[in-house]
C-alpha atoms as a PDB file:
ATOM      1  CA  MET A   1      19.811  -4.823   4.657  1.00  0.00           C
ATOM      2  CA  VAL A   2      20.482  -7.003   1.652  1.00  0.00           C
ATOM      3  CA  GLU A   3      19.619 -10.351   3.412  1.00  0.00           C
ATOM      4  CA  THR A   4      16.046  -8.379   4.896  1.00  0.00           C
ATOM      5  CA  VAL A   5      15.495  -7.387   1.424  1.00  0.00           C
ATOM      6  CA  MET A   6      16.501 -10.832   0.084  1.00  0.00           C
ATOM      7  CA  ASN A   7      14.306 -12.868   2.852  1.00  0.00           C
ATOM      8  CA  MET A   8      11.455 -10.330   2.029  1.00  0.00           C
ATOM      9  CA  MET A   9      11.439 -10.901  -2.166  1.00  0.00           C
ATOM     10  CA  LYS A  10      11.702 -14.559  -1.150  1.00  0.00           C
ATOM     11  CA  TYR A  11       8.334 -14.460   1.100  1.00  0.00           C
ATOM     12  CA  TRP A  12       6.393 -12.576  -1.427  1.00  0.00           C
ATOM     13  CA  GLU A  13       7.308 -15.027  -4.491  1.00  0.00           C
ATOM     14  CA  GLN A  14       5.785 -17.757  -1.764  1.00  0.00           C
ATOM     15  CA  ALA A  15       2.880 -15.600  -0.410  1.00  0.00           C
ATOM     16  CA  ILE A  16      -0.524 -16.760  -1.098  1.00  0.00           C
ATOM     17  CA  VAL A  17      -3.821 -14.442  -1.266  1.00  0.00           C
ATOM     18  CA  THR A  18      -6.172 -16.434   0.187  1.00  0.00           C
ATOM     19  CA  GLU A  19      -9.202 -13.550   0.156  1.00  0.00           C
ATOM     20  CA  ILE A  20      -9.301  -9.824  -1.508  1.00  0.00           C
ATOM     21  CA  ASN A  21     -11.446  -7.996   1.106  1.00  0.00           C
ATOM     22  CA  ILE A  22     -11.741  -4.809  -0.770  1.00  0.00           C
ATOM     23  CA  ALA A  23     -10.734  -3.148  -3.665  1.00  0.00           C
ATOM     24  CA  ILE A  24     -11.190   0.507  -4.222  1.00  0.00           C
ATOM     25  CA  TYR A  25     -10.707   3.364  -5.397  1.00  0.00           C
ATOM     26  CA  VAL A  26     -10.693   6.362  -3.286  1.00  0.00           C
ATOM     27  CA  LYS A  27     -11.392   9.931  -4.082  1.00  0.00           C
ATOM     28  CA  ALA A  28      -8.846  13.113  -3.067  1.00  0.00           C
ATOM     29  CA  GLY A  29     -10.292  14.422  -0.089  1.00  0.00           C
ATOM     30  CA  THR A  30     -12.108  11.232   1.089  1.00  0.00           C
ATOM     31  CA  GLY A  31     -11.177   8.286   3.717  1.00  0.00           C
ATOM     32  CA  GLU A  32      -9.892   8.050   6.652  1.00  0.00           C
ATOM     33  CA  ALA A  33      -6.654  10.165   7.553  1.00  0.00           C
ATOM     34  CA  ILE A  34      -5.983   7.910  10.732  1.00  0.00           C
ATOM     35  CA  HIS A  35      -5.972   4.227  10.221  1.00  0.00           C
ATOM     36  CA  ASN A  36      -5.642   1.831  13.927  1.00  0.00           C
ATOM     37  CA  ASN A  37      -4.884  -1.545  14.265  1.00  0.00           C
ATOM     38  CA  ARG A  38      -5.314  -2.405  10.106  1.00  0.00           C
ATOM     39  CA  PRO A  39      -7.243  -5.470   9.635  1.00  0.00           C
ATOM     40  CA  PHE A  40      -5.952  -6.819   6.554  1.00  0.00           C
ATOM     41  CA  HIS A  41      -2.558  -6.658   4.326  1.00  0.00           C
ATOM     42  CA  GLY A  42      -3.217  -3.470   1.848  1.00  0.00           C
ATOM     43  CA  LEU A  43      -1.542  -2.354  -1.316  1.00  0.00           C
ATOM     44  CA  VAL A  44      -2.089   1.519  -2.065  1.00  0.00           C
ATOM     45  CA  MET A  45      -1.597   2.805  -5.663  1.00  0.00           C
ATOM     46  CA  GLN A  46      -0.917   6.621  -5.952  1.00  0.00           C
ATOM     47  CA  ASP A  47      -2.895   8.555  -8.553  1.00  0.00           C
ATOM     48  CA  PRO A  48      -0.743  10.136 -11.471  1.00  0.00           C
ATOM     49  CA  ILE A  49      -1.491  13.393  -9.780  1.00  0.00           C
ATOM     50  CA  GLY A  50      -0.722  13.609  -5.910  1.00  0.00           C
ATOM     51  CA  GLU A  51       1.323  13.085  -3.074  1.00  0.00           C
ATOM     52  CA  LYS A  52       0.629  11.248   0.353  1.00  0.00           C
ATOM     53  CA  VAL A  53       2.921  11.040   3.264  1.00  0.00           C
ATOM     54  CA  TYR A  54       1.988   8.110   5.621  1.00  0.00           C
ATOM     55  CA  ARG A  55       3.544   8.552   8.892  1.00  0.00           C
ATOM     56  CA  PHE A  56       3.688   5.375  10.844  1.00  0.00           C
ATOM     57  CA  SER A  57       3.235   4.851  14.735  1.00  0.00           C
ATOM     58  CA  ASP A  58       6.531   3.867  15.709  1.00  0.00           C
ATOM     59  CA  GLY A  59       7.438   7.488  13.940  1.00  0.00           C
ATOM     60  CA  LYS A  60       8.419   6.183  10.410  1.00  0.00           C
ATOM     61  CA  THR A  61       7.586   7.665   7.269  1.00  0.00           C
ATOM     62  CA  ALA A  62       6.529   6.989   3.608  1.00  0.00           C
ATOM     63  CA  HIS A  63       6.300   9.358   1.469  1.00  0.00           C
ATOM     64  CA  VAL A  64       4.172   8.411  -1.489  1.00  0.00           C
ATOM     65  CA  GLN A  65       4.729  10.118  -4.798  1.00  0.00           C
ATOM     66  CA  LYS A  66       2.683   9.604  -7.843  1.00  0.00           C
ATOM     67  CA  ASN A  67       2.034   6.055  -9.816  1.00  0.00           C
ATOM     68  CA  ASP A  68       3.558   4.805  -6.764  1.00  0.00           C
ATOM     69  CA  VAL A  69       2.754   1.441  -4.506  1.00  0.00           C
ATOM     70  CA  LEU A  70       3.101   1.502  -0.778  1.00  0.00           C
ATOM     71  CA  TYR A  71       2.291  -1.724   0.937  1.00  0.00           C
ATOM     72  CA  LEU A  72       0.711  -1.285   4.540  1.00  0.00           C
ATOM     73  CA  PRO A  73       1.003  -4.553   6.744  1.00  0.00           C
ATOM     74  CA  LYS A  74      -1.646  -6.027   8.632  1.00  0.00           C
ATOM     75  CA  GLY A  75      -2.212  -4.617  12.234  1.00  0.00           C
ATOM     76  CA  SER A  76      -0.075  -1.044  11.379  1.00  0.00           C
ATOM     77  CA  TYR A  77      -0.799   2.152  12.963  1.00  0.00           C
ATOM     78  CA  TYR A  78      -0.706   5.531  10.228  1.00  0.00           C
ATOM     79  CA  GLN A  79      -1.778   8.810   9.730  1.00  0.00           C
ATOM     80  CA  VAL A  80      -2.103   9.746   6.110  1.00  0.00           C
ATOM     81  CA  ASP A  81      -1.257  13.714   5.639  1.00  0.00           C
ATOM     82  CA  SER A  82      -1.930  15.081   1.521  1.00  0.00           C
ATOM     83  CA  VAL A  83       0.858  16.807   0.032  1.00  0.00           C
ATOM     84  CA  GLU A  84      -0.735  16.972  -2.973  1.00  0.00           C
ATOM     85  CA  ASP A  85      -4.272  16.086  -3.720  1.00  0.00           C
ATOM     86  CA  GLY A  86      -5.336  12.778  -5.812  1.00  0.00           C
ATOM     87  CA  GLY A  87      -6.879  10.040  -5.053  1.00  0.00           C
ATOM     88  CA  CYS A  88      -5.143   6.463  -5.000  1.00  0.00           C
ATOM     89  CA  PHE A  89      -6.472   2.767  -5.584  1.00  0.00           C
ATOM     90  CA  ALA A  90      -6.799   0.596  -2.465  1.00  0.00           C
ATOM     91  CA  ILE A  91      -6.579  -3.639  -2.562  1.00  0.00           C
ATOM     92  CA  ASN A  92      -6.679  -5.160   0.865  1.00  0.00           C
ATOM     93  CA  PHE A  93      -6.221  -8.482   0.997  1.00  0.00           C
ATOM     94  CA  ASP A  94      -5.597 -11.884   3.707  1.00  0.00           C
ATOM     95  CA  LEU A  95      -2.537 -14.259   3.064  1.00  0.00           C
ATOM     96  CA  LEU A  96      -2.330 -17.620   3.727  1.00  0.00           C
ATOM     97  CA  ASP A  97       0.588 -17.099   6.326  1.00  0.00           C
ATOM     98  CA  ASP A  98       0.823 -13.320   7.798  1.00  0.00           C
ATOM     99  CA  LEU A  99       4.426 -12.034   7.166  1.00  0.00           C
ATOM    100  CA  VAL A 100       6.093  -9.825   9.365  1.00  0.00           C
ATOM    101  CA  CYS A 101       7.274  -6.977   7.085  1.00  0.00           C
ATOM    102  CA  PRO A 102       7.663  -3.589   7.246  1.00  0.00           C
ATOM    103  CA  PRO A 103       5.929  -0.917   5.025  1.00  0.00           C
ATOM    104  CA  PHE A 104       7.613  -0.254   1.633  1.00  0.00           C
ATOM    105  CA  THR A 105       7.256   1.447  -1.187  1.00  0.00           C
ATOM    106  CA  ILE A 106       7.750   0.979  -5.187  1.00  0.00           C
ATOM    107  CA  SER A 107       7.884   2.832  -8.155  1.00  0.00           C
ATOM    108  CA  PRO A 108       6.599   0.681 -11.413  1.00  0.00           C
ATOM    109  CA  LYS A 109       8.333   1.326 -14.419  1.00  0.00           C
ATOM    110  CA  ASN A 110       5.222   0.417 -16.159  1.00  0.00           C
ATOM    111  CA  SER A 111       3.073   2.505 -14.227  1.00  0.00           C
ATOM    112  CA  GLU A 112      -0.185   2.386 -16.668  1.00  0.00           C
ATOM    113  CA  GLY A 113      -0.548  -1.211 -16.963  1.00  0.00           C
ATOM    114  CA  LEU A 114      -0.091  -1.692 -13.339  1.00  0.00           C
ATOM    115  CA  HIS A 115      -2.940   1.275 -12.961  1.00  0.00           C
ATOM    116  CA  ASN A 116      -4.950  -0.438 -15.359  1.00  0.00           C
ATOM    117  CA  CYS A 117      -4.674  -3.528 -13.150  1.00  0.00           C
ATOM    118  CA  PHE A 118      -5.856  -1.778 -10.078  1.00  0.00           C
ATOM    119  CA  LYS A 119      -8.599  -0.488 -12.215  1.00  0.00           C
ATOM    120  CA  GLU A 120      -9.900  -3.745 -12.995  1.00  0.00           C
ATOM    121  CA  ALA A 121      -9.531  -5.395  -9.079  1.00  0.00           C
ATOM    122  CA  GLU A 122     -12.098  -2.056  -8.625  1.00  0.00           C
END
């Protein structure tokens, strides 16, 4: 497991974003619940209110809580279920070299500062 995390970190340190396809705010109760063959890589930052569960086609789930950031891989299939209403910021992007990396969630220490970065990207 440690080796997998180290390889993933090494890749992300060298990843080159070639294009940001969209940076938006998705209001609570809007957006698609089912995503098939996601065309881009994505980062989603949950509002300070609200929680969601992402259910992937391989049976894995990601519980995204307040202020969490979720990476969504290009080509993924998933369903989004709201646990508690709240919106999210979403940034879709292309990479110079596509990576093979499962979805993962991070809980940032400076969520307010990162939230502002997502707002600026929008």
